[in-house]
Amino acid sequence: MDATYDLSHRFAGESVGRALELLGERWTMLILREAFFGVRRYGQLARNLKIPRPTLSARLRTLVDAGLFERVAYAKDPDRYEYRLTDAGRDLFPAIVTLMHWGDTHLAGPEGPPIVLRHTTCGQISDPRLTCQHCGQEVDVHDITPEPGPGFRSGQVADELR
């Protein structure tokens, strides 16, 4: 096979699969969305999402253990905590915005998106784009070539994907 078209290396140590192991569940993504919109407290999350409390507790524990949220006390007697995004959690903002944009484009009704994002710096409604950090050009599926990265180890096999 021509090495130009051999993409088998993309399965070795596959980052999308690892991320989905942690994030690829509906409630987890909705909890993250709420956090990006400023919701930090357990009761607010439960009320906004109408999520079963045992499910919310389990998801928050997973997100804290994974380092995406930190649990911070805000009251005593009784002890109460809020969940704040860490740097790793905030790094997921582009993923949430991209999912939101896709849903607005392909699933919103004729009246348009239910929520828009205003860019506070310029005051305009934002339509975020994926761009190259080096040249600033917009990036899409036709402009990307997967190549082995620094974490690639020759001979790795993604048996878990089979």
C-alpha atoms as a PDB file:
ATOM      1  CA  MET A   1       0.000   0.000   0.000  1.00  0.00           C
ATOM      2  CA  ASP A   2       1.218   3.496  -0.829  1.00  0.00           C
ATOM      3  CA  ALA A   3       2.498   5.092   2.408  1.00  0.00           C
ATOM      4  CA  THR A   4       0.729   8.335   1.442  1.00  0.00           C
ATOM      5  CA  TYR A   5      -2.625   6.633   1.969  1.00  0.00           C
ATOM      6  CA  ASP A   6      -1.705   4.344   4.892  1.00  0.00           C
ATOM      7  CA  LEU A   7      -3.580   5.865   7.818  1.00  0.00           C
ATOM      8  CA  SER A   8      -3.398   2.837  10.107  1.00  0.00           C
ATOM      9  CA  HIS A   9      -1.250   4.849  12.561  1.00  0.00           C
ATOM     10  CA  ARG A  10      -4.291   6.946  13.474  1.00  0.00           C
ATOM     11  CA  PHE A  11      -5.599   4.142  15.687  1.00  0.00           C
ATOM     12  CA  ALA A  12      -2.463   3.872  17.805  1.00  0.00           C
ATOM     13  CA  GLY A  13      -3.046   5.581  21.139  1.00  0.00           C
ATOM     14  CA  GLU A  14      -6.168   7.052  19.610  1.00  0.00           C
ATOM     15  CA  SER A  15      -7.019  10.336  21.374  1.00  0.00           C
ATOM     16  CA  VAL A  16     -10.637  10.624  20.175  1.00  0.00           C
ATOM     17  CA  GLY A  17     -11.459   7.191  21.566  1.00  0.00           C
ATOM     18  CA  ARG A  18      -9.790   7.980  24.889  1.00  0.00           C
ATOM     19  CA  ALA A  19     -11.620  11.307  25.134  1.00  0.00           C
ATOM     20  CA  LEU A  20     -14.950   9.635  24.357  1.00  0.00           C
ATOM     21  CA  GLU A  21     -14.342   7.085  27.116  1.00  0.00           C
ATOM     22  CA  LEU A  22     -14.480  10.039  29.511  1.00  0.00           C
ATOM     23  CA  LEU A  23     -16.788  12.494  27.741  1.00  0.00           C
ATOM     24  CA  GLY A  24     -18.917  10.542  25.286  1.00  0.00           C
ATOM     25  CA  GLU A  25     -22.052  10.337  27.362  1.00  0.00           C
ATOM     26  CA  ARG A  26     -24.977  12.755  27.001  1.00  0.00           C
ATOM     27  CA  TRP A  27     -25.181  13.912  30.629  1.00  0.00           C
ATOM     28  CA  THR A  28     -21.446  14.617  30.784  1.00  0.00           C
ATOM     29  CA  MET A  29     -21.594  16.926  27.785  1.00  0.00           C
ATOM     30  CA  LEU A  30     -24.672  18.715  29.152  1.00  0.00           C
ATOM     31  CA  ILE A  31     -22.981  19.218  32.530  1.00  0.00           C
ATOM     32  CA  LEU A  32     -20.001  20.752  30.713  1.00  0.00           C
ATOM     33  CA  ARG A  33     -22.307  22.986  28.664  1.00  0.00           C
ATOM     34  CA  GLU A  34     -23.962  24.254  31.852  1.00  0.00           C
ATOM     35  CA  ALA A  35     -20.557  24.912  33.420  1.00  0.00           C
ATOM     36  CA  PHE A  36     -19.538  26.989  30.393  1.00  0.00           C
ATOM     37  CA  PHE A  37     -22.731  29.000  30.834  1.00  0.00           C
ATOM     38  CA  GLY A  38     -21.790  29.743  34.470  1.00  0.00           C
ATOM     39  CA  VAL A  39     -23.652  27.046  36.420  1.00  0.00           C
ATOM     40  CA  ARG A  40     -21.489  25.724  39.266  1.00  0.00           C
ATOM     41  CA  ARG A  41     -23.756  24.357  41.976  1.00  0.00           C
ATOM     42  CA  TYR A  42     -25.177  20.863  42.275  1.00  0.00           C
ATOM     43  CA  GLY A  43     -28.769  21.997  42.825  1.00  0.00           C
ATOM     44  CA  GLN A  44     -28.650  24.319  39.816  1.00  0.00           C
ATOM     45  CA  LEU A  45     -27.265  21.530  37.624  1.00  0.00           C
ATOM     46  CA  ALA A  46     -29.936  19.089  38.817  1.00  0.00           C
ATOM     47  CA  ARG A  47     -32.706  21.635  38.255  1.00  0.00           C
ATOM     48  CA  ASN A  48     -31.495  22.918  34.867  1.00  0.00           C
ATOM     49  CA  LEU A  49     -30.797  19.498  33.411  1.00  0.00           C
ATOM     50  CA  LYS A  50     -33.588  17.541  35.136  1.00  0.00           C
ATOM     51  CA  ILE A  51     -30.953  14.850  35.631  1.00  0.00           C
ATOM     52  CA  PRO A  52     -31.441  12.088  38.224  1.00  0.00           C
ATOM     53  CA  ARG A  53     -29.379  13.053  41.270  1.00  0.00           C
ATOM     54  CA  PRO A  54     -27.459   9.734  41.471  1.00  0.00           C
ATOM     55  CA  THR A  55     -26.466  10.177  37.819  1.00  0.00           C
ATOM     56  CA  LEU A  56     -25.377  13.776  38.429  1.00  0.00           C
ATOM     57  CA  SER A  57     -23.319  12.740  41.466  1.00  0.00           C
ATOM     58  CA  ALA A  58     -21.585   9.981  39.511  1.00  0.00           C
ATOM     59  CA  ARG A  59     -20.815  12.229  36.528  1.00  0.00           C
ATOM     60  CA  LEU A  60     -19.482  15.045  38.712  1.00  0.00           C
ATOM     61  CA  ARG A  61     -17.287  12.591  40.643  1.00  0.00           C
ATOM     62  CA  THR A  62     -15.879  11.303  37.331  1.00  0.00           C
ATOM     63  CA  LEU A  63     -15.239  14.847  36.056  1.00  0.00           C
ATOM     64  CA  VAL A  64     -13.519  15.837  39.315  1.00  0.00           C
ATOM     65  CA  ASP A  65     -11.413  12.638  39.342  1.00  0.00           C
ATOM     66  CA  ALA A  66     -10.413  13.276  35.707  1.00  0.00           C
ATOM     67  CA  GLY A  67      -9.291  16.822  36.562  1.00  0.00           C
ATOM     68  CA  LEU A  68     -11.941  18.659  34.515  1.00  0.00           C
ATOM     69  CA  PHE A  69     -13.677  20.161  37.562  1.00  0.00           C
ATOM     70  CA  GLU A  70     -12.539  21.065  41.026  1.00  0.00           C
ATOM     71  CA  ARG A  71     -14.936  20.715  43.957  1.00  0.00           C
ATOM     72  CA  VAL A  72     -14.793  23.882  46.068  1.00  0.00           C
ATOM     73  CA  ALA A  73     -16.636  24.477  49.348  1.00  0.00           C
ATOM     74  CA  TYR A  74     -18.807  27.600  49.394  1.00  0.00           C
ATOM     75  CA  ALA A  75     -20.789  27.066  52.624  1.00  0.00           C
ATOM     76  CA  LYS A  76     -20.614  25.197  55.948  1.00  0.00           C
ATOM     77  CA  ASP A  77     -23.355  23.718  58.165  1.00  0.00           C
ATOM     78  CA  PRO A  78     -24.239  21.943  56.016  1.00  0.00           C
ATOM     79  CA  ASP A  79     -21.197  21.636  53.770  1.00  0.00           C
ATOM     80  CA  ARG A  80     -22.001  22.791  50.247  1.00  0.00           C
ATOM     81  CA  TYR A  81     -19.778  22.646  47.188  1.00  0.00           C
ATOM     82  CA  GLU A  82     -19.625  24.104  43.738  1.00  0.00           C
ATOM     83  CA  TYR A  83     -17.919  22.631  40.712  1.00  0.00           C
ATOM     84  CA  ARG A  84     -15.471  24.883  38.902  1.00  0.00           C
ATOM     85  CA  LEU A  85     -13.900  24.123  35.554  1.00  0.00           C
ATOM     86  CA  THR A  86     -10.152  23.562  35.611  1.00  0.00           C
ATOM     87  CA  ASP A  87      -7.853  24.511  32.745  1.00  0.00           C
ATOM     88  CA  ALA A  88      -8.384  21.025  31.308  1.00  0.00           C
ATOM     89  CA  GLY A  89     -12.149  21.493  31.556  1.00  0.00           C
ATOM     90  CA  ARG A  90     -12.018  24.932  29.948  1.00  0.00           C
ATOM     91  CA  ASP A  91     -10.021  23.423  27.088  1.00  0.00           C
ATOM     92  CA  LEU A  92     -13.221  21.592  26.091  1.00  0.00           C
ATOM     93  CA  PHE A  93     -15.013  24.858  25.288  1.00  0.00           C
ATOM     94  CA  PRO A  94     -14.263  24.639  21.548  1.00  0.00           C
ATOM     95  CA  ALA A  95     -15.691  21.099  21.444  1.00  0.00           C
ATOM     96  CA  ILE A  96     -18.936  22.192  23.118  1.00  0.00           C
ATOM     97  CA  VAL A  97     -19.235  25.246  20.849  1.00  0.00           C
ATOM     98  CA  THR A  98     -18.610  23.084  17.782  1.00  0.00           C
ATOM     99  CA  LEU A  99     -21.349  20.633  18.835  1.00  0.00           C
ATOM    100  CA  MET A 100     -23.668  23.560  19.500  1.00  0.00           C
ATOM    101  CA  HIS A 101     -22.905  25.059  16.076  1.00  0.00           C
ATOM    102  CA  TRP A 102     -23.513  21.711  14.362  1.00  0.00           C
ATOM    103  CA  GLY A 103     -26.840  21.309  16.177  1.00  0.00           C
ATOM    104  CA  ASP A 104     -27.844  24.861  15.249  1.00  0.00           C
ATOM    105  CA  THR A 105     -26.953  24.238  11.604  1.00  0.00           C
ATOM    106  CA  HIS A 106     -28.458  20.778  11.158  1.00  0.00           C
ATOM    107  CA  LEU A 107     -31.097  20.360  13.870  1.00  0.00           C
ATOM    108  CA  ALA A 108     -32.542  23.783  14.712  1.00  0.00           C
ATOM    109  CA  GLY A 109     -36.042  24.605  13.539  1.00  0.00           C
ATOM    110  CA  PRO A 110     -36.930  27.257  10.970  1.00  0.00           C
ATOM    111  CA  GLU A 111     -36.894  29.953  13.665  1.00  0.00           C
ATOM    112  CA  GLY A 112     -33.141  29.454  14.126  1.00  0.00           C
ATOM    113  CA  PRO A 113     -30.836  28.532  17.001  1.00  0.00           C
ATOM    114  CA  PRO A 114     -32.238  28.618  20.545  1.00  0.00           C
ATOM    115  CA  ILE A 115     -29.077  30.233  21.967  1.00  0.00           C
ATOM    116  CA  VAL A 116     -26.455  32.417  20.306  1.00  0.00           C
ATOM    117  CA  LEU A 117     -23.022  33.367  21.602  1.00  0.00           C
ATOM    118  CA  ARG A 118     -22.094  37.041  21.763  1.00  0.00           C
ATOM    119  CA  HIS A 119     -18.374  37.815  21.607  1.00  0.00           C
ATOM    120  CA  THR A 120     -17.837  40.249  24.468  1.00  0.00           C
ATOM    121  CA  THR A 121     -14.735  41.806  22.891  1.00  0.00           C
ATOM    122  CA  CYS A 122     -16.437  43.050  19.703  1.00  0.00           C
ATOM    123  CA  GLY A 123     -20.085  42.811  20.785  1.00  0.00           C
ATOM    124  CA  GLN A 124     -21.120  40.742  17.756  1.00  0.00           C
ATOM    125  CA  ILE A 125     -22.870  37.374  17.607  1.00  0.00           C
ATOM    126  CA  SER A 126     -20.034  34.897  17.196  1.00  0.00           C
ATOM    127  CA  ASP A 127     -19.806  32.144  14.623  1.00  0.00           C
ATOM    128  CA  PRO A 128     -16.674  30.402  15.926  1.00  0.00           C
ATOM    129  CA  ARG A 129     -14.332  28.790  13.412  1.00  0.00           C
ATOM    130  CA  LEU A 130     -11.520  26.259  13.615  1.00  0.00           C
ATOM    131  CA  THR A 131      -8.311  27.902  12.439  1.00  0.00           C
ATOM    132  CA  CYS A 132      -4.669  26.945  12.068  1.00  0.00           C
ATOM    133  CA  GLN A 133      -2.599  28.385  14.912  1.00  0.00           C
ATOM    134  CA  HIS A 134       0.302  29.019  12.517  1.00  0.00           C
ATOM    135  CA  CYS A 135      -1.235  30.710   9.471  1.00  0.00           C
ATOM    136  CA  GLY A 136      -4.645  31.739  10.848  1.00  0.00           C
ATOM    137  CA  GLN A 137      -6.527  30.193   7.927  1.00  0.00           C
ATOM    138  CA  GLU A 138      -9.797  28.376   8.550  1.00  0.00           C
ATOM    139  CA  VAL A 139      -9.370  24.586   8.721  1.00  0.00           C
ATOM    140  CA  ASP A 140     -11.854  22.035   7.413  1.00  0.00           C
ATOM    141  CA  VAL A 141     -11.870  18.330   6.622  1.00  0.00           C
ATOM    142  CA  HIS A 142     -10.272  18.927   3.208  1.00  0.00           C
ATOM    143  CA  ASP A 143      -7.258  20.791   4.653  1.00  0.00           C
ATOM    144  CA  ILE A 144      -6.028  18.215   7.189  1.00  0.00           C
ATOM    145  CA  THR A 145      -3.716  15.223   6.796  1.00  0.00           C
ATOM    146  CA  PRO A 146      -3.325  12.886   9.785  1.00  0.00           C
ATOM    147  CA  GLU A 147       0.315  12.033  10.517  1.00  0.00           C
ATOM    148  CA  PRO A 148       2.058  10.245  13.370  1.00  0.00           C
ATOM    149  CA  GLY A 149       2.587  12.657  16.259  1.00  0.00           C
ATOM    150  CA  PRO A 150       5.244  12.736  18.972  1.00  0.00           C
ATOM    151  CA  GLY A 151       3.283  10.202  21.065  1.00  0.00           C
ATOM    152  CA  PHE A 152       3.047   7.658  18.253  1.00  0.00           C
ATOM    153  CA  ARG A 153       4.887   4.385  18.848  1.00  0.00           C
ATOM    154  CA  SER A 154       5.529   2.229  15.813  1.00  0.00           C
ATOM    155  CA  GLY A 155       3.840  -1.153  16.029  1.00  0.00           C
ATOM    156  CA  GLN A 156       0.962  -0.080  18.285  1.00  0.00           C
ATOM    157  CA  VAL A 157      -2.315  -1.818  17.570  1.00  0.00           C
ATOM    158  CA  ALA A 158      -5.711  -0.563  18.714  1.00  0.00           C
ATOM    159  CA  ASP A 159      -7.144  -3.935  19.721  1.00  0.00           C
ATOM    160  CA  GLU A 160      -9.747  -2.153  21.855  1.00  0.00           C
ATOM    161  CA  LEU A 161     -11.318  -0.756  18.678  1.00  0.00           C
ATOM    162  CA  ARG A 162     -11.886  -4.220  17.232  1.00  0.00           C
END
